[in-house]
Amino acid sequence: MTSADLAVFLKSRVRTVRDWPIAGVNFRDVTTLFGDPDAFRAIVDALAAEAQRLRIARIAAVDARGFLLGGAVAYVTHTPFALVRKKGKLPYRTVATEYALEYGKATIEIHADACAPGDRVLIVDDLIATGGTLLAAAKLFRQLGGEVVGVAAVIDLPGLGGSEKLRADGLGVHTLCAFSEHE
């Protein structure tokens, strides 16, 4: 399947929930993709191919939907897997960073041994919106000496500017489909 065919296939299976969680927001619900074995397999295969192309040494994934994708990609590529979690959810020594949300701040963390210096890291999530969480995650892996070569997600929401911020930070961005706010 070509990348254009994959994008059409996936977009046709994403549920859009209008005005959720607040009026004016079009929420892109990827749980429909997880419930469709053909869509889920296509996503994992495409993200695994990207990880292999980049010669990744470690897959990282963002809490929580990213875990479903990242874990599957790590399994397929037989690559170590690291979790990026909300503060207070990891049981071992951690490194943490705070980042801005639209209406406040949040903190994420990773284990202090989440990667080795020089590891080529790919960070996986379900979608790219404003890019704040992914930028914060990249900062953490870099702090440990990892080489964050990119981020990969199923959906890009380019109207929110996240992909542009990630590229400006030197990260490769790989997404399987994109939605405008008008779709």
N, C-alpha and C. Protein backbone atom coordinates (compact mmCIF):
# COMPACT_ATOMS: atom_id res chain seq x y z
N MET A 1 0.85 -1.17 0.00
CA MET A 1 0.00 0.00 0.00
C MET A 1 0.90 1.25 0.00
N THR A 2 0.64 2.19 -0.88
CA THR A 2 1.42 3.42 -0.91
C THR A 2 1.09 4.27 0.32
N SER A 3 1.94 5.25 0.59
CA SER A 3 1.67 6.12 1.74
C SER A 3 0.38 6.91 1.54
N ALA A 4 0.09 7.30 0.30
CA ALA A 4 -1.16 8.02 0.03
C ALA A 4 -2.37 7.12 0.26
N ASP A 5 -2.27 5.86 -0.18
CA ASP A 5 -3.36 4.91 0.05
C ASP A 5 -3.54 4.64 1.54
N LEU A 6 -2.43 4.53 2.26
CA LEU A 6 -2.51 4.30 3.70
C LEU A 6 -3.19 5.47 4.39
N ALA A 7 -2.84 6.68 4.00
CA ALA A 7 -3.46 7.87 4.60
C ALA A 7 -4.97 7.87 4.40
N VAL A 8 -5.41 7.58 3.19
CA VAL A 8 -6.86 7.53 2.90
C VAL A 8 -7.52 6.43 3.72
N PHE A 9 -6.89 5.26 3.76
CA PHE A 9 -7.42 4.12 4.52
C PHE A 9 -7.58 4.48 5.99
N LEU A 10 -6.55 5.07 6.60
CA LEU A 10 -6.61 5.39 8.02
C LEU A 10 -7.60 6.51 8.31
N LYS A 11 -7.58 7.55 7.49
CA LYS A 11 -8.50 8.67 7.72
C LYS A 11 -9.95 8.22 7.66
N SER A 12 -10.24 7.25 6.81
CA SER A 12 -11.63 6.78 6.69
C SER A 12 -12.07 6.01 7.94
N ARG A 13 -11.12 5.65 8.78
CA ARG A 13 -11.43 4.85 9.97
C ARG A 13 -11.26 5.61 11.29
N VAL A 14 -10.82 6.85 11.23
CA VAL A 14 -10.70 7.67 12.44
C VAL A 14 -12.06 8.32 12.72
N ARG A 15 -12.48 8.21 13.97
CA ARG A 15 -13.75 8.84 14.37
C ARG A 15 -13.44 10.28 14.80
N THR A 16 -14.18 11.21 14.22
CA THR A 16 -14.06 12.61 14.62
C THR A 16 -15.23 12.94 15.53
N VAL A 17 -14.92 13.42 16.73
CA VAL A 17 -15.94 13.80 17.69
C VAL A 17 -15.94 15.33 17.75
N ARG A 18 -16.98 15.94 17.24
CA ARG A 18 -17.08 17.40 17.16
C ARG A 18 -17.37 17.98 18.54
N ASP A 19 -16.78 19.15 18.78
CA ASP A 19 -17.02 19.91 20.01
C ASP A 19 -16.70 19.12 21.28
N TRP A 20 -15.59 18.35 21.23
CA TRP A 20 -15.15 17.61 22.42
C TRP A 20 -13.65 17.74 22.57
N PRO A 21 -13.12 18.05 23.70
CA PRO A 21 -13.77 18.17 25.00
C PRO A 21 -14.43 19.51 25.24
N ILE A 22 -14.19 20.49 24.34
CA ILE A 22 -14.87 21.78 24.46
C ILE A 22 -15.38 22.20 23.09
N ALA A 23 -16.30 23.13 23.07
CA ALA A 23 -16.87 23.62 21.81
C ALA A 23 -15.77 24.12 20.89
N GLY A 24 -15.89 23.77 19.62
CA GLY A 24 -14.94 24.21 18.61
C GLY A 24 -13.79 23.27 18.35
N VAL A 25 -13.63 22.23 19.17
CA VAL A 25 -12.55 21.27 18.99
C VAL A 25 -13.08 20.05 18.25
N ASN A 26 -12.32 19.62 17.25
CA ASN A 26 -12.63 18.37 16.54
C ASN A 26 -11.65 17.31 17.04
N PHE A 27 -12.11 16.47 17.94
CA PHE A 27 -11.26 15.45 18.54
C PHE A 27 -11.11 14.27 17.59
N ARG A 28 -9.89 13.90 17.28
CA ARG A 28 -9.61 12.76 16.39
C ARG A 28 -9.39 11.53 17.26
N ASP A 29 -10.38 10.66 17.27
CA ASP A 29 -10.39 9.48 18.13
C ASP A 29 -9.73 8.30 17.42
N VAL A 30 -8.51 7.95 17.88
CA VAL A 30 -7.77 6.86 17.25
C VAL A 30 -8.17 5.49 17.79
N THR A 31 -9.03 5.44 18.80
CA THR A 31 -9.41 4.13 19.34
C THR A 31 -10.11 3.28 18.29
N THR A 32 -10.72 3.90 17.31
CA THR A 32 -11.33 3.13 16.22
C THR A 32 -10.28 2.39 15.41
N LEU A 33 -9.07 2.97 15.33
CA LEU A 33 -7.98 2.30 14.61
C LEU A 33 -7.47 1.10 15.40
N PHE A 34 -7.45 1.21 16.71
CA PHE A 34 -7.01 0.09 17.54
C PHE A 34 -8.02 -1.05 17.50
N GLY A 35 -9.28 -0.72 17.28
CA GLY A 35 -10.33 -1.74 17.21
C GLY A 35 -10.46 -2.39 15.85
N ASP A 36 -9.70 -1.93 14.88
CA ASP A 36 -9.74 -2.47 13.51
C ASP A 36 -8.41 -3.18 13.26
N PRO A 37 -8.39 -4.51 13.28
CA PRO A 37 -7.11 -5.24 13.14
C PRO A 37 -6.33 -4.88 11.88
N ASP A 38 -7.02 -4.63 10.78
CA ASP A 38 -6.30 -4.27 9.55
C ASP A 38 -5.65 -2.90 9.67
N ALA A 39 -6.35 -1.95 10.27
CA ALA A 39 -5.80 -0.61 10.45
C ALA A 39 -4.63 -0.65 11.44
N PHE A 40 -4.82 -1.36 12.55
CA PHE A 40 -3.77 -1.43 13.56
C PHE A 40 -2.51 -2.08 12.98
N ARG A 41 -2.68 -3.15 12.23
CA ARG A 41 -1.52 -3.81 11.61
C ARG A 41 -0.83 -2.88 10.61
N ALA A 42 -1.61 -2.14 9.82
CA ALA A 42 -1.03 -1.22 8.85
C ALA A 42 -0.22 -0.12 9.54
N ILE A 43 -0.74 0.37 10.66
CA ILE A 43 -0.04 1.41 11.42
C ILE A 43 1.28 0.86 11.97
N VAL A 44 1.21 -0.27 12.63
CA VAL A 44 2.41 -0.85 13.24
C VAL A 44 3.45 -1.17 12.16
N ASP A 45 3.02 -1.75 11.07
CA ASP A 45 3.96 -2.07 9.99
C ASP A 45 4.63 -0.80 9.44
N ALA A 46 3.85 0.26 9.23
CA ALA A 46 4.40 1.50 8.68
C ALA A 46 5.37 2.16 9.67
N LEU A 47 5.01 2.19 10.94
CA LEU A 47 5.90 2.80 11.94
C LEU A 47 7.15 1.95 12.15
N ALA A 48 7.01 0.64 12.11
CA ALA A 48 8.17 -0.25 12.23
C ALA A 48 9.12 -0.06 11.05
N ALA A 49 8.57 0.10 9.85
CA ALA A 49 9.42 0.34 8.68
C ALA A 49 10.20 1.63 8.84
N GLU A 50 9.56 2.66 9.38
CA GLU A 50 10.26 3.93 9.62
C GLU A 50 11.37 3.75 10.66
N ALA A 51 11.09 3.03 11.73
CA ALA A 51 12.10 2.77 12.76
C ALA A 51 13.29 2.02 12.18
N GLN A 52 13.02 1.04 11.34
CA GLN A 52 14.11 0.28 10.73
C GLN A 52 14.90 1.14 9.75
N ARG A 53 14.20 1.98 8.99
CA ARG A 53 14.88 2.87 8.05
C ARG A 53 15.85 3.80 8.78
N LEU A 54 15.45 4.25 9.95
CA LEU A 54 16.26 5.18 10.74
C LEU A 54 17.32 4.49 11.60
N ARG A 55 17.34 3.15 11.58
CA ARG A 55 18.29 2.37 12.39
C ARG A 55 18.20 2.76 13.87
N ILE A 56 17.01 2.66 14.39
CA ILE A 56 16.70 3.06 15.75
C ILE A 56 17.26 2.04 16.75
N ALA A 57 17.80 2.54 17.85
CA ALA A 57 18.30 1.67 18.92
C ALA A 57 17.29 1.55 20.06
N ARG A 58 16.32 2.51 20.12
CA ARG A 58 15.34 2.49 21.19
C ARG A 58 14.07 3.19 20.72
N ILE A 59 12.94 2.55 21.02
CA ILE A 59 11.63 3.15 20.77
C ILE A 59 11.15 3.72 22.09
N ALA A 60 10.67 4.94 22.07
CA ALA A 60 10.04 5.54 23.25
C ALA A 60 8.61 5.88 22.87
N ALA A 61 7.74 5.89 23.86
CA ALA A 61 6.34 6.22 23.58
C ALA A 61 5.77 7.05 24.71
N VAL A 62 4.82 7.91 24.32
CA VAL A 62 4.21 8.87 25.22
C VAL A 62 2.92 8.30 25.79
N ASP A 63 2.75 8.49 27.09
CA ASP A 63 1.57 8.10 27.85
C ASP A 63 0.32 8.72 27.22
N ALA A 64 -0.68 8.03 26.90
CA ALA A 64 -0.98 6.63 27.09
C ALA A 64 -1.22 5.92 25.75
N ARG A 65 -1.91 6.58 24.81
CA ARG A 65 -2.19 5.89 23.54
C ARG A 65 -0.90 5.57 22.79
N GLY A 66 0.13 6.38 22.98
CA GLY A 66 1.41 6.09 22.36
C GLY A 66 1.99 4.77 22.80
N PHE A 67 1.65 4.33 24.05
CA PHE A 67 2.16 3.05 24.54
C PHE A 67 1.69 1.90 23.67
N LEU A 68 0.44 1.95 23.24
CA LEU A 68 -0.10 0.86 22.41
C LEU A 68 0.70 0.73 21.12
N LEU A 69 0.99 1.86 20.51
CA LEU A 69 1.72 1.86 19.25
C LEU A 69 3.20 1.56 19.45
N GLY A 70 3.82 2.27 20.39
CA GLY A 70 5.25 2.10 20.62
C GLY A 70 5.61 0.69 21.05
N GLY A 71 4.78 0.12 21.92
CA GLY A 71 5.04 -1.25 22.36
C GLY A 71 4.98 -2.24 21.21
N ALA A 72 4.00 -2.07 20.34
CA ALA A 72 3.87 -2.96 19.18
C ALA A 72 5.04 -2.78 18.21
N VAL A 73 5.45 -1.53 18.00
CA VAL A 73 6.58 -1.27 17.09
C VAL A 73 7.86 -1.83 17.68
N ALA A 74 8.07 -1.66 18.98
CA ALA A 74 9.26 -2.22 19.63
C ALA A 74 9.26 -3.74 19.51
N TYR A 75 8.11 -4.36 19.66
CA TYR A 75 8.01 -5.82 19.53
C TYR A 75 8.38 -6.27 18.10
N VAL A 76 7.79 -5.62 17.12
CA VAL A 76 8.03 -6.00 15.72
C VAL A 76 9.49 -5.80 15.34
N THR A 77 10.10 -4.72 15.81
CA THR A 77 11.48 -4.41 15.45
C THR A 77 12.50 -5.01 16.42
N HIS A 78 12.01 -5.66 17.45
CA HIS A 78 12.86 -6.26 18.48
C HIS A 78 13.84 -5.22 19.02
N THR A 79 13.25 -4.07 19.44
CA THR A 79 14.00 -2.92 19.90
C THR A 79 13.61 -2.61 21.35
N PRO A 80 14.55 -2.22 22.19
CA PRO A 80 14.18 -1.81 23.55
C PRO A 80 13.14 -0.70 23.55
N PHE A 81 12.30 -0.70 24.58
CA PHE A 81 11.15 0.20 24.65
C PHE A 81 11.21 1.01 25.94
N ALA A 82 11.03 2.32 25.83
CA ALA A 82 11.05 3.22 26.98
C ALA A 82 9.73 3.97 27.08
N LEU A 83 9.29 4.19 28.32
CA LEU A 83 8.03 4.88 28.57
C LEU A 83 8.26 6.33 28.96
N VAL A 84 7.44 7.22 28.39
CA VAL A 84 7.39 8.62 28.79
C VAL A 84 6.07 8.79 29.52
N ARG A 85 6.15 9.09 30.83
CA ARG A 85 4.94 9.09 31.66
C ARG A 85 4.73 10.42 32.35
N LYS A 86 3.50 10.59 32.81
CA LYS A 86 3.18 11.74 33.65
C LYS A 86 3.94 11.58 34.97
N LYS A 87 4.26 12.71 35.59
CA LYS A 87 5.04 12.72 36.83
C LYS A 87 4.40 11.81 37.89
N GLY A 88 5.28 11.06 38.56
CA GLY A 88 4.84 10.23 39.67
C GLY A 88 4.37 8.83 39.30
N LYS A 89 4.50 8.43 38.04
CA LYS A 89 3.99 7.13 37.60
C LYS A 89 5.08 6.08 37.40
N LEU A 90 6.35 6.49 37.45
CA LEU A 90 7.44 5.55 37.25
C LEU A 90 8.09 5.20 38.59
N PRO A 91 8.42 3.92 38.81
CA PRO A 91 8.86 3.48 40.13
C PRO A 91 10.34 3.65 40.45
N TYR A 92 11.15 4.00 39.48
CA TYR A 92 12.60 4.05 39.67
C TYR A 92 13.06 5.50 39.60
N ARG A 93 14.36 5.75 39.73
CA ARG A 93 14.90 7.10 39.57
C ARG A 93 14.50 7.65 38.21
N THR A 94 14.13 8.92 38.19
CA THR A 94 13.66 9.53 36.95
C THR A 94 14.35 10.86 36.68
N VAL A 95 14.23 11.28 35.43
CA VAL A 95 14.53 12.66 35.05
C VAL A 95 13.21 13.22 34.55
N ALA A 96 12.98 14.49 34.86
CA ALA A 96 11.67 15.08 34.56
C ALA A 96 11.86 16.44 33.91
N THR A 97 10.83 16.87 33.20
CA THR A 97 10.80 18.22 32.65
C THR A 97 9.37 18.72 32.66
N GLU A 98 9.26 20.00 32.86
CA GLU A 98 7.95 20.66 32.84
C GLU A 98 7.79 21.34 31.49
N TYR A 99 6.57 21.36 31.00
CA TYR A 99 6.32 22.03 29.73
C TYR A 99 4.96 22.71 29.78
N ALA A 100 4.76 23.66 28.89
CA ALA A 100 3.54 24.46 28.88
C ALA A 100 2.42 23.73 28.16
N LEU A 101 1.25 23.81 28.75
CA LEU A 101 0.01 23.37 28.11
C LEU A 101 -0.76 24.64 27.71
N GLU A 102 -1.85 24.45 27.01
CA GLU A 102 -2.64 25.60 26.60
C GLU A 102 -3.10 26.42 27.81
N TYR A 103 -3.48 25.73 28.88
CA TYR A 103 -3.97 26.41 30.08
C TYR A 103 -3.24 25.95 31.33
N GLY A 104 -1.93 26.00 31.33
CA GLY A 104 -1.18 25.60 32.50
C GLY A 104 0.11 24.91 32.14
N LYS A 105 0.55 24.03 33.05
CA LYS A 105 1.81 23.32 32.85
C LYS A 105 1.61 21.86 33.21
N ALA A 106 2.49 21.02 32.68
CA ALA A 106 2.49 19.59 33.00
C ALA A 106 3.94 19.14 33.13
N THR A 107 4.12 18.01 33.75
CA THR A 107 5.46 17.44 33.92
C THR A 107 5.44 16.00 33.44
N ILE A 108 6.43 15.64 32.64
CA ILE A 108 6.61 14.24 32.23
C ILE A 108 7.97 13.79 32.69
N GLU A 109 8.14 12.46 32.74
CA GLU A 109 9.42 11.92 33.16
C GLU A 109 9.69 10.59 32.48
N ILE A 110 10.98 10.23 32.52
CA ILE A 110 11.43 8.94 32.03
C ILE A 110 12.38 8.37 33.09
N HIS A 111 12.58 7.08 33.05
CA HIS A 111 13.56 6.48 33.96
C HIS A 111 14.95 7.02 33.62
N ALA A 112 15.78 7.13 34.64
CA ALA A 112 17.14 7.65 34.45
C ALA A 112 17.98 6.74 33.56
N ASP A 113 17.55 5.49 33.38
CA ASP A 113 18.26 4.57 32.49
C ASP A 113 17.43 4.24 31.24
N ALA A 114 16.58 5.17 30.83
CA ALA A 114 15.69 4.94 29.69
C ALA A 114 16.43 4.82 28.36
N CYS A 115 17.64 5.34 28.29
CA CYS A 115 18.47 5.15 27.10
C CYS A 115 19.92 5.29 27.49
N ALA A 116 20.77 4.81 26.64
CA ALA A 116 22.22 4.94 26.84
C ALA A 116 22.72 6.09 25.97
N PRO A 117 23.82 6.72 26.36
CA PRO A 117 24.38 7.77 25.52
C PRO A 117 24.63 7.24 24.10
N GLY A 118 24.21 8.03 23.12
CA GLY A 118 24.38 7.65 21.72
C GLY A 118 23.25 6.83 21.13
N ASP A 119 22.34 6.33 21.96
CA ASP A 119 21.18 5.57 21.42
C ASP A 119 20.39 6.45 20.45
N ARG A 120 20.08 5.88 19.30
CA ARG A 120 19.20 6.56 18.34
C ARG A 120 17.76 6.26 18.76
N VAL A 121 17.04 7.31 19.16
CA VAL A 121 15.71 7.17 19.74
C VAL A 121 14.65 7.70 18.78
N LEU A 122 13.57 6.93 18.63
CA LEU A 122 12.37 7.37 17.91
C LEU A 122 11.25 7.43 18.93
N ILE A 123 10.60 8.59 19.04
CA ILE A 123 9.50 8.77 19.99
C ILE A 123 8.18 8.62 19.23
N VAL A 124 7.32 7.74 19.74
CA VAL A 124 6.06 7.41 19.08
C VAL A 124 4.88 7.94 19.89
N ASP A 125 3.89 8.48 19.20
CA ASP A 125 2.65 8.91 19.85
C ASP A 125 1.51 8.72 18.86
N ASP A 126 0.29 8.89 19.33
CA ASP A 126 -0.86 8.70 18.45
C ASP A 126 -1.02 9.85 17.48
N LEU A 127 -0.82 11.09 17.96
CA LEU A 127 -0.97 12.24 17.06
C LEU A 127 -0.08 13.38 17.49
N ILE A 128 0.14 14.28 16.55
CA ILE A 128 0.91 15.49 16.81
C ILE A 128 -0.05 16.66 16.73
N ALA A 129 -0.20 17.36 17.85
CA ALA A 129 -1.05 18.55 17.90
C ALA A 129 -0.14 19.77 18.03
N THR A 130 0.06 20.26 19.25
CA THR A 130 0.92 21.43 19.46
C THR A 130 2.39 21.07 19.57
N GLY A 131 2.68 19.79 19.79
CA GLY A 131 4.07 19.32 19.85
C GLY A 131 4.73 19.46 21.21
N GLY A 132 4.07 20.04 22.18
CA GLY A 132 4.69 20.29 23.48
C GLY A 132 5.17 19.05 24.20
N THR A 133 4.35 18.02 24.25
CA THR A 133 4.75 16.79 24.94
C THR A 133 5.92 16.12 24.24
N LEU A 134 5.88 16.06 22.92
CA LEU A 134 6.96 15.42 22.18
C LEU A 134 8.27 16.21 22.30
N LEU A 135 8.19 17.53 22.29
CA LEU A 135 9.41 18.33 22.50
C LEU A 135 9.99 18.09 23.89
N ALA A 136 9.12 18.01 24.89
CA ALA A 136 9.58 17.74 26.25
C ALA A 136 10.21 16.35 26.34
N ALA A 137 9.60 15.37 25.70
CA ALA A 137 10.15 14.01 25.71
C ALA A 137 11.52 13.99 25.04
N ALA A 138 11.65 14.66 23.92
CA ALA A 138 12.95 14.71 23.23
C ALA A 138 14.01 15.33 24.14
N LYS A 139 13.63 16.37 24.86
CA LYS A 139 14.56 17.03 25.79
C LYS A 139 15.07 16.04 26.84
N LEU A 140 14.18 15.20 27.35
CA LEU A 140 14.58 14.23 28.38
C LEU A 140 15.58 13.21 27.83
N PHE A 141 15.31 12.67 26.65
CA PHE A 141 16.23 11.67 26.09
C PHE A 141 17.57 12.31 25.72
N ARG A 142 17.54 13.54 25.26
CA ARG A 142 18.79 14.24 24.98
C ARG A 142 19.59 14.47 26.26
N GLN A 143 18.88 14.76 27.34
CA GLN A 143 19.52 14.97 28.64
C GLN A 143 20.30 13.73 29.07
N LEU A 144 19.82 12.55 28.68
CA LEU A 144 20.51 11.29 28.99
C LEU A 144 21.57 10.93 27.96
N GLY A 145 21.74 11.78 26.94
CA GLY A 145 22.74 11.52 25.92
C GLY A 145 22.22 10.80 24.70
N GLY A 146 20.91 10.58 24.65
CA GLY A 146 20.32 9.94 23.49
C GLY A 146 20.29 10.87 22.29
N GLU A 147 20.33 10.27 21.11
CA GLU A 147 20.20 11.03 19.86
C GLU A 147 18.76 10.83 19.37
N VAL A 148 17.92 11.80 19.64
CA VAL A 148 16.52 11.68 19.22
C VAL A 148 16.46 12.04 17.74
N VAL A 149 16.29 11.02 16.91
CA VAL A 149 16.33 11.24 15.47
C VAL A 149 14.97 11.59 14.90
N GLY A 150 13.92 11.37 15.67
CA GLY A 150 12.62 11.75 15.14
C GLY A 150 11.47 11.35 16.03
N VAL A 151 10.31 11.77 15.56
CA VAL A 151 9.04 11.40 16.17
C VAL A 151 8.17 10.79 15.09
N ALA A 152 7.33 9.85 15.50
CA ALA A 152 6.43 9.20 14.55
C ALA A 152 5.04 9.14 15.18
N ALA A 153 4.04 9.43 14.39
CA ALA A 153 2.67 9.41 14.88
C ALA A 153 1.73 9.00 13.75
N VAL A 154 0.56 8.58 14.13
CA VAL A 154 -0.44 8.21 13.14
C VAL A 154 -0.98 9.47 12.47
N ILE A 155 -1.35 10.46 13.27
CA ILE A 155 -2.05 11.65 12.76
C ILE A 155 -1.23 12.91 13.01
N ASP A 156 -1.21 13.78 12.02
CA ASP A 156 -0.67 15.12 12.18
C ASP A 156 -1.85 16.10 12.10
N LEU A 157 -1.86 17.05 13.00
CA LEU A 157 -2.82 18.16 12.96
C LEU A 157 -2.02 19.42 12.65
N PRO A 158 -1.64 19.61 11.38
CA PRO A 158 -0.70 20.68 11.04
C PRO A 158 -1.19 22.08 11.39
N GLY A 159 -2.49 22.27 11.44
CA GLY A 159 -3.04 23.58 11.79
C GLY A 159 -2.68 24.03 13.19
N LEU A 160 -2.27 23.10 14.05
CA LEU A 160 -1.91 23.44 15.43
C LEU A 160 -0.42 23.72 15.60
N GLY A 161 0.36 23.51 14.53
CA GLY A 161 1.76 23.92 14.51
C GLY A 161 2.78 23.02 15.16
N GLY A 162 2.36 21.88 15.67
CA GLY A 162 3.30 21.01 16.37
C GLY A 162 4.40 20.45 15.50
N SER A 163 4.05 19.96 14.34
CA SER A 163 5.07 19.37 13.44
C SER A 163 6.12 20.40 13.06
N GLU A 164 5.67 21.61 12.83
CA GLU A 164 6.60 22.68 12.47
C GLU A 164 7.57 22.95 13.62
N LYS A 165 7.07 22.96 14.86
CA LYS A 165 7.95 23.18 16.03
C LYS A 165 8.94 22.02 16.19
N LEU A 166 8.48 20.82 15.96
CA LEU A 166 9.36 19.66 16.09
C LEU A 166 10.48 19.71 15.05
N ARG A 167 10.13 20.05 13.82
CA ARG A 167 11.16 20.17 12.77
C ARG A 167 12.15 21.28 13.10
N ALA A 168 11.63 22.40 13.63
CA ALA A 168 12.50 23.53 14.01
C ALA A 168 13.47 23.12 15.11
N ASP A 169 13.11 22.11 15.90
CA ASP A 169 13.98 21.59 16.95
C ASP A 169 14.95 20.53 16.43
N GLY A 170 14.94 20.30 15.12
CA GLY A 170 15.86 19.35 14.51
C GLY A 170 15.38 17.92 14.46
N LEU A 171 14.10 17.70 14.75
CA LEU A 171 13.56 16.35 14.74
C LEU A 171 12.93 16.00 13.40
N GLY A 172 13.17 14.78 12.95
CA GLY A 172 12.44 14.27 11.80
C GLY A 172 11.01 13.98 12.24
N VAL A 173 10.06 14.25 11.40
CA VAL A 173 8.65 14.02 11.72
C VAL A 173 8.07 13.07 10.68
N HIS A 174 7.52 11.96 11.16
CA HIS A 174 6.91 10.97 10.28
C HIS A 174 5.48 10.72 10.76
N THR A 175 4.51 11.05 9.92
CA THR A 175 3.11 10.79 10.25
C THR A 175 2.47 10.03 9.10
N LEU A 176 1.40 9.32 9.41
CA LEU A 176 0.75 8.49 8.40
C LEU A 176 -0.42 9.16 7.72
N CYS A 177 -1.02 10.16 8.37
CA CYS A 177 -2.09 10.94 7.76
C CYS A 177 -2.21 12.27 8.47
N ALA A 178 -2.94 13.19 7.89
CA ALA A 178 -3.12 14.52 8.48
C ALA A 178 -4.58 14.94 8.33
N PHE A 179 -5.03 15.73 9.30
CA PHE A 179 -6.36 16.30 9.25
C PHE A 179 -6.27 17.80 9.40
N SER A 180 -7.02 18.52 8.57
CA SER A 180 -7.18 19.95 8.76
C SER A 180 -8.33 20.13 9.75
N GLU A 181 -8.45 21.31 10.31
CA GLU A 181 -9.53 21.58 11.25
C GLU A 181 -10.90 21.53 10.56
N HIS A 182 -10.92 21.65 9.25
CA HIS A 182 -12.19 21.68 8.52
C HIS A 182 -12.69 20.31 8.08
N GLU A 183 -11.86 19.29 8.28
CA GLU A 183 -12.27 17.94 7.87
C GLU A 183 -13.13 17.31 8.94
